[in-house]
Amino acid sequence: MPATPARPELGPRGQAGAATFAEIRLIPASEVHDFLAAVADVADQVFTRPPWAEPREAARAAAERLAADAPSPGFTFAAALHGDQLRGFAYGVRCSRLALLASRLPRHDFTLKELAVAPPARGYGLGRMLHDALLATAPSTSWWLVTHPQAGAALGLYRRRGWRAAALRPGPQNRPRLIMLRETSH
């Protein structure tokens, strides 16, 4: 698929910098293996920090989940690249498991499984661009995701993009996880 370049934006301090320009690319499932080490590194930087505070091995397992999900129906993977460096990623698949966990009837569901932006690249709109690129390719009537209920920046992004809380469930180590839903007008 053709690359979708992101436009440079001012960062958190109003300055243009090295992380201000990233190319958002949709990566075909056949090329996912080329990104696994970089996905593990970004996930390690993101998911070992609060509020997730996952052990390093659990955080890095995002790459294994990505590889396992690549053959799934509706698989979509978006990468934020600065040159050859991965700054962030998002991926999802067609899946109704979260609808069932939220006591909803499944209806052509898509689950945004992971979205992460490396800390040095935050504040430049990459999370929004990854989110939008991923969901633009996901025909669905209901989109689902799971996040930490104290992930302030992520919750802000999701709410601004039309997501709403659907259920609160226990997650790993019995820590709470928020299931969110975004319904489209398809």
Protein backbone atom coordinates (compact mmCIF):
# COMPACT_ATOMS: atom_id res chain seq x y z
CA MET A 1 0.00 0.00 0.00
CA PRO A 2 1.24 3.53 -0.60
CA ALA A 3 2.74 5.42 2.27
CA THR A 4 0.70 8.15 3.88
CA PRO A 5 3.15 10.84 4.97
CA ALA A 6 2.33 12.72 8.12
CA ARG A 7 2.68 16.47 8.08
CA PRO A 8 5.24 17.99 10.42
CA GLU A 9 3.71 19.45 13.56
CA LEU A 10 5.02 21.39 16.49
CA GLY A 11 5.92 19.18 19.39
CA PRO A 12 5.16 19.48 23.08
CA ARG A 13 7.42 22.47 23.54
CA GLY A 14 6.28 24.26 20.38
CA GLN A 15 9.53 23.35 18.64
CA ALA A 16 10.06 21.36 15.48
CA GLY A 17 12.49 18.53 16.17
CA ALA A 18 13.79 15.18 15.01
CA ALA A 19 10.60 13.34 15.92
CA THR A 20 8.22 15.84 14.34
CA PHE A 21 8.04 14.15 10.98
CA ALA A 22 7.01 10.58 10.61
CA GLU A 23 5.63 8.63 7.75
CA ILE A 24 2.59 6.54 8.60
CA ARG A 25 2.70 3.37 6.55
CA LEU A 26 0.23 0.53 6.33
CA ILE A 27 2.33 -2.62 6.42
CA PRO A 28 1.05 -5.81 4.77
CA ALA A 29 0.92 -8.96 6.89
CA SER A 30 3.66 -10.48 4.72
CA GLU A 31 6.12 -7.81 5.97
CA VAL A 32 5.23 -7.86 9.68
CA HIS A 33 8.25 -10.04 10.52
CA ASP A 34 10.52 -7.14 9.45
CA PHE A 35 9.09 -5.00 12.29
CA LEU A 36 8.90 -7.45 15.20
CA ALA A 37 12.13 -6.42 16.97
CA ALA A 38 11.25 -2.72 16.68
CA VAL A 39 7.67 -3.36 17.89
CA ALA A 40 9.07 -5.21 20.92
CA ASP A 41 11.38 -2.25 21.65
CA VAL A 42 8.59 0.35 21.42
CA ALA A 43 6.23 -1.83 23.49
CA ASP A 44 9.00 -2.22 26.10
CA GLN A 45 9.35 1.58 26.32
CA VAL A 46 5.59 2.09 26.61
CA PHE A 47 4.05 -0.81 28.52
CA THR A 48 6.67 -1.15 31.27
CA ARG A 49 5.80 2.36 32.47
CA PRO A 50 2.80 3.34 34.59
CA PRO A 51 -0.08 2.90 34.42
CA TRP A 52 0.54 -0.46 32.68
CA ALA A 53 3.74 -1.28 34.57
CA GLU A 54 4.00 -4.67 32.87
CA PRO A 55 7.09 -6.81 33.35
CA ARG A 56 9.52 -6.35 30.48
CA GLU A 57 8.82 -9.80 29.00
CA ALA A 58 5.06 -9.16 29.00
CA ALA A 59 5.48 -5.76 27.36
CA ARG A 60 7.77 -7.13 24.65
CA ALA A 61 5.25 -9.92 23.95
CA ALA A 62 3.27 -7.34 21.94
CA ALA A 63 5.50 -8.34 19.02
CA GLU A 64 4.55 -12.01 19.45
CA ARG A 65 0.86 -11.09 19.54
CA LEU A 66 1.32 -9.01 16.39
CA ALA A 67 2.95 -11.94 14.58
CA ALA A 68 0.24 -14.35 15.77
CA ASP A 69 -2.54 -11.98 14.64
CA ALA A 70 -1.05 -11.19 11.20
CA PRO A 71 -2.90 -14.05 9.44
CA SER A 72 -6.23 -13.09 11.06
CA PRO A 73 -9.19 -11.77 9.06
CA GLY A 74 -9.17 -8.00 8.70
CA PHE A 75 -5.58 -7.66 9.98
CA THR A 76 -4.26 -4.12 9.62
CA PHE A 77 -0.89 -2.82 10.84
CA ALA A 78 0.16 0.84 10.77
CA ALA A 79 3.71 1.95 11.52
CA ALA A 80 5.01 5.46 12.30
CA LEU A 81 8.47 5.59 10.77
CA HIS A 82 11.12 8.27 11.03
CA GLY A 83 13.60 7.11 8.42
CA ASP A 84 14.06 3.45 9.25
CA GLN A 85 13.23 3.86 12.96
CA LEU A 86 9.86 2.79 14.31
CA ARG A 87 8.39 5.59 16.47
CA GLY A 88 5.01 3.97 17.05
CA PHE A 89 2.59 1.35 15.80
CA ALA A 90 -1.03 0.30 15.86
CA TYR A 91 -2.74 -2.84 14.70
CA GLY A 92 -6.09 -4.54 14.79
CA VAL A 93 -8.19 -7.41 13.47
CA ARG A 94 -11.82 -8.28 12.90
CA CYS A 95 -12.91 -9.74 16.21
CA SER A 96 -16.01 -9.72 18.44
CA ARG A 97 -14.49 -10.97 21.71
CA LEU A 98 -14.63 -7.53 23.37
CA ALA A 99 -18.25 -7.08 22.35
CA LEU A 100 -19.05 -10.32 24.14
CA LEU A 101 -17.02 -9.28 27.21
CA ALA A 102 -18.97 -6.02 27.30
CA SER A 103 -22.26 -7.99 27.11
CA ARG A 104 -23.05 -6.67 23.62
CA LEU A 105 -24.19 -8.50 20.54
CA PRO A 106 -21.40 -8.82 17.97
CA ARG A 107 -21.91 -6.80 14.76
CA HIS A 108 -19.09 -6.76 12.21
CA ASP A 109 -16.62 -5.79 14.93
CA PHE A 110 -13.02 -4.63 14.62
CA THR A 111 -10.66 -4.63 17.60
CA LEU A 112 -7.83 -2.13 17.85
CA LYS A 113 -5.42 -4.51 19.62
CA GLU A 114 -2.40 -2.30 20.25
CA LEU A 115 -1.46 1.34 19.83
CA ALA A 116 1.87 2.60 21.19
CA VAL A 117 4.09 5.62 20.60
CA ALA A 118 7.64 5.66 21.96
CA PRO A 119 8.01 8.29 24.73
CA PRO A 120 10.52 10.48 22.82
CA ALA A 121 8.05 10.71 19.90
CA ARG A 122 5.00 11.69 21.94
CA GLY A 123 3.29 15.04 21.64
CA TYR A 124 3.57 15.23 17.86
CA GLY A 125 0.21 13.67 16.92
CA LEU A 126 1.57 10.24 16.01
CA GLY A 127 -0.98 8.41 18.18
CA ARG A 128 -3.81 10.23 16.42
CA MET A 129 -2.31 9.59 12.99
CA LEU A 130 -1.78 5.88 13.70
CA HIS A 131 -5.31 5.58 15.10
CA ASP A 132 -6.87 7.29 12.10
CA ALA A 133 -4.80 5.40 9.50
CA LEU A 134 -5.69 2.07 11.09
CA LEU A 135 -9.41 2.72 11.43
CA ALA A 136 -9.68 4.23 7.95
CA THR A 137 -8.97 0.77 6.57
CA ALA A 138 -11.25 -1.12 8.98
CA PRO A 139 -14.78 -1.33 7.64
CA SER A 140 -16.94 -2.02 10.62
CA THR A 141 -20.00 -0.93 12.50
CA SER A 142 -18.41 -1.39 15.91
CA TRP A 143 -14.79 -0.83 16.89
CA TRP A 144 -13.42 -2.05 20.21
CA LEU A 145 -10.27 -1.61 22.28
CA VAL A 146 -8.99 -2.23 25.79
CA THR A 147 -6.91 0.28 27.72
CA HIS A 148 -5.89 1.06 31.26
CA PRO A 149 -8.49 3.26 33.01
CA GLN A 150 -5.68 5.54 34.25
CA ALA A 151 -3.94 5.98 30.88
CA GLY A 152 -4.74 9.69 30.69
CA ALA A 153 -3.19 10.54 27.31
CA ALA A 154 -4.60 7.42 25.63
CA LEU A 155 -8.06 8.02 27.10
CA GLY A 156 -7.96 11.62 25.90
CA LEU A 157 -7.06 10.52 22.37
CA TYR A 158 -9.76 7.87 22.30
CA ARG A 159 -12.46 10.16 23.66
CA ARG A 160 -11.57 12.90 21.17
CA ARG A 161 -11.85 10.29 18.39
CA GLY A 162 -15.37 9.23 19.45
CA TRP A 163 -14.74 6.27 21.77
CA ARG A 164 -16.78 5.71 24.92
CA ALA A 165 -16.46 3.39 27.90
CA ALA A 166 -18.39 0.14 27.50
CA ALA A 167 -17.22 -2.00 30.44
CA LEU A 168 -14.60 -2.27 33.15
CA ARG A 169 -13.04 -5.74 33.48
CA PRO A 170 -10.12 -7.34 35.30
CA GLY A 171 -6.94 -7.59 33.26
CA PRO A 172 -3.50 -9.11 33.88
CA GLN A 173 -2.68 -9.55 37.59
CA ASN A 174 -6.34 -8.67 38.21
CA ARG A 175 -5.66 -5.00 37.36
CA PRO A 176 -8.64 -3.16 35.85
CA ARG A 177 -8.93 -2.69 32.10
CA LEU A 178 -11.39 -0.42 30.36
CA ILE A 179 -13.20 -1.77 27.30
CA MET A 180 -14.09 1.05 24.93
CA LEU A 181 -16.46 1.15 21.97
CA ARG A 182 -16.75 3.39 18.93
CA GLU A 183 -19.76 2.82 16.74
CA THR A 184 -19.86 4.02 13.17
CA SER A 185 -22.75 4.96 10.96
CA HIS A 186 -22.05 2.24 8.34
